[in-house]
């Protein structure tokens, strides 16, 4: 649904493809999932890799999308701590 480009020559960029998001989850849920997709791509800009579960999974299952639409898809404790340390720099 998105792409993070860490070094582009103009800085760090992340894209979220809303049309793809709408096709994946439907127009009704797309807006509810947008923040989770944005958080995932922003975390890549801060150096987080994909993980096997949670918000940083590379491919989300239907249950992941359902959680995202309800604001229930999260970073792991370790990922959250790493993000806090990187943001504090």
N, C-alpha and C. Protein backbone atom coordinates (compact mmCIF):
# COMPACT_ATOMS: atom_id res chain seq x y z
N UNK A 1 0.81 -1.19 0.00
CA UNK A 1 0.00 0.00 0.00
C UNK A 1 0.85 1.25 0.00
N UNK A 2 2.14 1.07 0.27
CA UNK A 2 3.00 2.24 0.32
C UNK A 2 4.43 1.85 0.03
N UNK A 3 5.28 2.86 0.08
CA UNK A 3 6.70 2.64 -0.17
C UNK A 3 7.48 3.72 0.56
N UNK A 4 8.53 3.31 1.26
CA UNK A 4 9.41 4.26 1.94
C UNK A 4 10.74 4.28 1.21
N UNK A 5 11.19 5.45 0.86
CA UNK A 5 12.47 5.63 0.18
C UNK A 5 13.38 6.37 1.15
N UNK A 6 14.27 5.64 1.79
CA UNK A 6 15.04 6.23 2.87
C UNK A 6 16.01 7.28 2.36
N UNK A 7 16.75 7.02 1.32
CA UNK A 7 17.67 8.02 0.77
C UNK A 7 17.34 8.26 -0.69
N UNK A 8 16.88 9.46 -1.00
CA UNK A 8 16.46 9.76 -2.37
C UNK A 8 17.28 10.87 -3.01
N UNK A 9 18.23 11.44 -2.29
CA UNK A 9 18.93 12.61 -2.79
C UNK A 9 18.24 13.89 -2.34
N UNK A 10 16.94 13.80 -2.07
CA UNK A 10 16.19 14.96 -1.57
C UNK A 10 15.73 14.71 -0.15
N UNK A 11 16.27 13.70 0.49
CA UNK A 11 15.85 13.38 1.85
C UNK A 11 15.14 12.05 1.89
N UNK A 12 14.27 11.93 2.85
CA UNK A 12 13.51 10.69 3.04
C UNK A 12 12.07 10.91 2.61
N UNK A 13 11.56 9.98 1.84
CA UNK A 13 10.20 10.09 1.33
C UNK A 13 9.43 8.81 1.59
N UNK A 14 8.15 8.95 1.84
CA UNK A 14 7.27 7.79 1.94
C UNK A 14 6.01 8.09 1.15
N UNK A 15 5.54 7.10 0.47
CA UNK A 15 4.31 7.21 -0.31
C UNK A 15 3.28 6.23 0.23
N UNK A 16 2.03 6.65 0.24
CA UNK A 16 0.92 5.75 0.53
C UNK A 16 -0.01 5.86 -0.69
N UNK A 17 -0.32 4.73 -1.26
CA UNK A 17 -1.13 4.68 -2.47
C UNK A 17 -2.58 4.42 -2.07
N UNK A 18 -3.34 5.48 -1.94
CA UNK A 18 -4.70 5.39 -1.41
C UNK A 18 -5.60 4.55 -2.32
N UNK A 19 -5.40 4.66 -3.61
CA UNK A 19 -6.21 3.86 -4.54
C UNK A 19 -6.01 2.37 -4.31
N UNK A 20 -4.77 1.97 -4.09
CA UNK A 20 -4.49 0.56 -3.78
C UNK A 20 -5.14 0.16 -2.46
N UNK A 21 -5.08 1.06 -1.49
CA UNK A 21 -5.69 0.79 -0.19
C UNK A 21 -7.20 0.60 -0.34
N UNK A 22 -7.85 1.46 -1.12
CA UNK A 22 -9.29 1.31 -1.35
C UNK A 22 -9.62 -0.02 -2.03
N UNK A 23 -8.79 -0.42 -3.00
CA UNK A 23 -9.03 -1.69 -3.68
C UNK A 23 -8.82 -2.87 -2.73
N UNK A 24 -7.90 -2.74 -1.79
CA UNK A 24 -7.61 -3.83 -0.86
C UNK A 24 -8.73 -4.01 0.17
N UNK A 25 -9.16 -2.91 0.78
CA UNK A 25 -10.09 -3.02 1.91
C UNK A 25 -11.48 -2.46 1.64
N UNK A 26 -11.65 -1.79 0.52
CA UNK A 26 -12.94 -1.18 0.20
C UNK A 26 -12.98 0.28 0.64
N UNK A 27 -13.85 1.01 -0.02
CA UNK A 27 -13.94 2.44 0.23
C UNK A 27 -14.34 2.74 1.67
N UNK A 28 -15.21 1.92 2.25
CA UNK A 28 -15.69 2.16 3.61
C UNK A 28 -14.57 2.08 4.65
N UNK A 29 -13.63 1.13 4.47
CA UNK A 29 -12.58 0.90 5.47
C UNK A 29 -11.28 1.65 5.18
N UNK A 30 -11.11 2.14 3.97
CA UNK A 30 -9.82 2.72 3.58
C UNK A 30 -9.40 3.87 4.49
N UNK A 31 -10.31 4.77 4.77
CA UNK A 31 -9.98 5.90 5.64
C UNK A 31 -9.60 5.46 7.04
N UNK A 32 -10.24 4.41 7.52
CA UNK A 32 -9.93 3.90 8.86
C UNK A 32 -8.56 3.23 8.92
N UNK A 33 -8.09 2.70 7.79
CA UNK A 33 -6.80 2.00 7.74
C UNK A 33 -5.64 2.92 7.38
N UNK A 34 -5.95 4.10 6.87
CA UNK A 34 -4.92 5.00 6.35
C UNK A 34 -3.84 5.34 7.39
N UNK A 35 -4.22 5.63 8.61
CA UNK A 35 -3.24 5.98 9.65
C UNK A 35 -2.28 4.85 9.94
N UNK A 36 -2.77 3.62 9.92
CA UNK A 36 -1.90 2.47 10.17
C UNK A 36 -0.89 2.28 9.04
N UNK A 37 -1.35 2.47 7.81
CA UNK A 37 -0.44 2.36 6.66
C UNK A 37 0.61 3.48 6.73
N UNK A 38 0.19 4.68 7.08
CA UNK A 38 1.13 5.79 7.20
C UNK A 38 2.14 5.53 8.32
N UNK A 39 1.68 4.99 9.45
CA UNK A 39 2.60 4.68 10.55
C UNK A 39 3.62 3.63 10.13
N UNK A 40 3.18 2.62 9.38
CA UNK A 40 4.08 1.58 8.88
C UNK A 40 5.18 2.19 8.01
N UNK A 41 4.80 3.02 7.05
CA UNK A 41 5.79 3.61 6.15
C UNK A 41 6.70 4.60 6.87
N UNK A 42 6.15 5.37 7.80
CA UNK A 42 6.97 6.31 8.58
C UNK A 42 8.00 5.55 9.41
N UNK A 43 7.60 4.41 9.97
CA UNK A 43 8.54 3.60 10.75
C UNK A 43 9.70 3.11 9.88
N UNK A 44 9.41 2.80 8.62
CA UNK A 44 10.51 2.43 7.71
C UNK A 44 11.49 3.59 7.55
N UNK A 45 10.97 4.81 7.45
CA UNK A 45 11.85 5.98 7.33
C UNK A 45 12.74 6.13 8.55
N UNK A 46 12.27 5.64 9.68
CA UNK A 46 13.05 5.70 10.92
C UNK A 46 13.89 4.44 11.14
N UNK A 47 13.91 3.56 10.15
CA UNK A 47 14.82 2.42 10.20
C UNK A 47 14.24 1.09 10.62
N UNK A 48 12.95 1.00 10.87
CA UNK A 48 12.37 -0.28 11.27
C UNK A 48 12.20 -1.20 10.05
N UNK A 49 12.60 -2.45 10.18
CA UNK A 49 12.38 -3.42 9.11
C UNK A 49 11.00 -4.06 9.26
N UNK A 50 10.65 -4.91 8.32
CA UNK A 50 9.42 -5.70 8.46
C UNK A 50 9.60 -6.72 9.58
N UNK A 51 8.47 -7.14 10.16
CA UNK A 51 8.49 -8.14 11.22
C UNK A 51 7.50 -9.25 10.87
N UNK A 52 7.42 -10.24 11.71
CA UNK A 52 6.54 -11.38 11.43
C UNK A 52 5.10 -11.13 11.89
N UNK A 53 4.88 -10.09 12.69
CA UNK A 53 3.53 -9.82 13.16
C UNK A 53 3.35 -8.34 13.43
N UNK A 54 2.11 -7.94 13.62
CA UNK A 54 1.81 -6.56 13.99
C UNK A 54 1.89 -5.57 12.85
N UNK A 55 2.01 -4.32 13.22
CA UNK A 55 1.98 -3.22 12.27
C UNK A 55 3.10 -3.29 11.23
N UNK A 56 4.21 -3.89 11.56
CA UNK A 56 5.35 -3.93 10.65
C UNK A 56 5.42 -5.20 9.79
N UNK A 57 4.36 -6.00 9.77
CA UNK A 57 4.32 -7.14 8.84
C UNK A 57 4.43 -6.64 7.42
N UNK A 58 5.10 -7.41 6.57
CA UNK A 58 5.25 -6.97 5.18
C UNK A 58 3.94 -7.09 4.41
N UNK A 59 3.16 -8.12 4.70
CA UNK A 59 1.86 -8.29 4.05
C UNK A 59 0.82 -8.55 5.13
N UNK A 60 -0.23 -7.76 5.11
CA UNK A 60 -1.25 -7.87 6.14
C UNK A 60 -2.33 -8.85 5.72
N UNK A 61 -2.77 -9.65 6.67
CA UNK A 61 -3.87 -10.58 6.45
C UNK A 61 -5.19 -9.84 6.59
N UNK A 62 -6.29 -10.52 6.28
CA UNK A 62 -7.60 -9.90 6.45
C UNK A 62 -7.84 -9.51 7.91
N UNK A 63 -7.37 -10.35 8.84
CA UNK A 63 -7.55 -9.99 10.26
C UNK A 63 -6.69 -8.78 10.63
N UNK A 64 -5.51 -8.64 10.02
CA UNK A 64 -4.69 -7.45 10.25
C UNK A 64 -5.42 -6.20 9.76
N UNK A 65 -6.03 -6.29 8.56
CA UNK A 65 -6.76 -5.14 8.03
C UNK A 65 -7.93 -4.79 8.93
N UNK A 66 -8.61 -5.81 9.45
CA UNK A 66 -9.73 -5.55 10.36
C UNK A 66 -9.25 -4.85 11.62
N UNK A 67 -8.12 -5.30 12.17
CA UNK A 67 -7.55 -4.64 13.34
C UNK A 67 -7.15 -3.20 13.02
N UNK A 68 -6.51 -3.01 11.86
CA UNK A 68 -6.08 -1.66 11.46
C UNK A 68 -7.28 -0.73 11.35
N UNK A 69 -8.39 -1.23 10.83
CA UNK A 69 -9.58 -0.38 10.65
C UNK A 69 -10.18 0.04 11.99
N UNK A 70 -9.85 -0.70 13.05
CA UNK A 70 -10.36 -0.39 14.38
C UNK A 70 -9.29 0.25 15.27
N UNK A 71 -8.13 0.56 14.68
CA UNK A 71 -7.05 1.15 15.46
C UNK A 71 -6.38 0.16 16.39
N UNK A 72 -6.43 -1.13 16.04
CA UNK A 72 -5.92 -2.16 16.92
C UNK A 72 -4.68 -2.88 16.43
N UNK A 73 -4.01 -2.37 15.43
CA UNK A 73 -2.77 -2.97 14.92
C UNK A 73 -1.62 -2.12 15.42
N UNK A 74 -0.70 -2.73 16.19
CA UNK A 74 0.32 -1.96 16.91
C UNK A 74 1.74 -2.38 16.56
N UNK A 75 2.68 -1.51 16.95
CA UNK A 75 4.09 -1.87 16.96
C UNK A 75 4.33 -2.80 18.15
N UNK A 76 5.32 -3.67 18.04
CA UNK A 76 5.70 -4.48 19.20
C UNK A 76 6.35 -3.56 20.24
N UNK A 77 6.50 -4.05 21.45
CA UNK A 77 7.15 -3.28 22.51
C UNK A 77 8.57 -2.89 22.10
N UNK A 78 9.29 -3.82 21.49
CA UNK A 78 10.66 -3.56 21.05
C UNK A 78 10.68 -2.50 19.95
N UNK A 79 9.77 -2.62 18.98
CA UNK A 79 9.70 -1.63 17.90
C UNK A 79 9.36 -0.25 18.44
N UNK A 80 8.42 -0.19 19.36
CA UNK A 80 8.02 1.10 19.93
C UNK A 80 9.18 1.76 20.67
N UNK A 81 9.94 0.97 21.42
CA UNK A 81 11.09 1.51 22.14
C UNK A 81 12.15 2.02 21.18
N UNK A 82 12.40 1.26 20.11
CA UNK A 82 13.38 1.69 19.10
C UNK A 82 12.94 3.00 18.44
N UNK A 83 11.67 3.12 18.12
CA UNK A 83 11.15 4.36 17.53
C UNK A 83 11.32 5.53 18.50
N UNK A 84 11.01 5.31 19.78
CA UNK A 84 11.18 6.38 20.77
C UNK A 84 12.63 6.85 20.84
N UNK A 85 13.57 5.90 20.85
CA UNK A 85 14.99 6.27 20.92
C UNK A 85 15.42 7.04 19.67
N UNK A 86 14.96 6.60 18.51
CA UNK A 86 15.35 7.28 17.26
C UNK A 86 14.74 8.67 17.17
N UNK A 87 13.54 8.82 17.65
CA UNK A 87 12.89 10.13 17.62
C UNK A 87 13.51 11.08 18.64
N UNK A 88 14.06 10.54 19.72
CA UNK A 88 14.68 11.38 20.74
C UNK A 88 16.01 11.98 20.29
N UNK A 89 16.63 11.38 19.28
CA UNK A 89 17.92 11.89 18.80
C UNK A 89 17.82 13.23 18.17
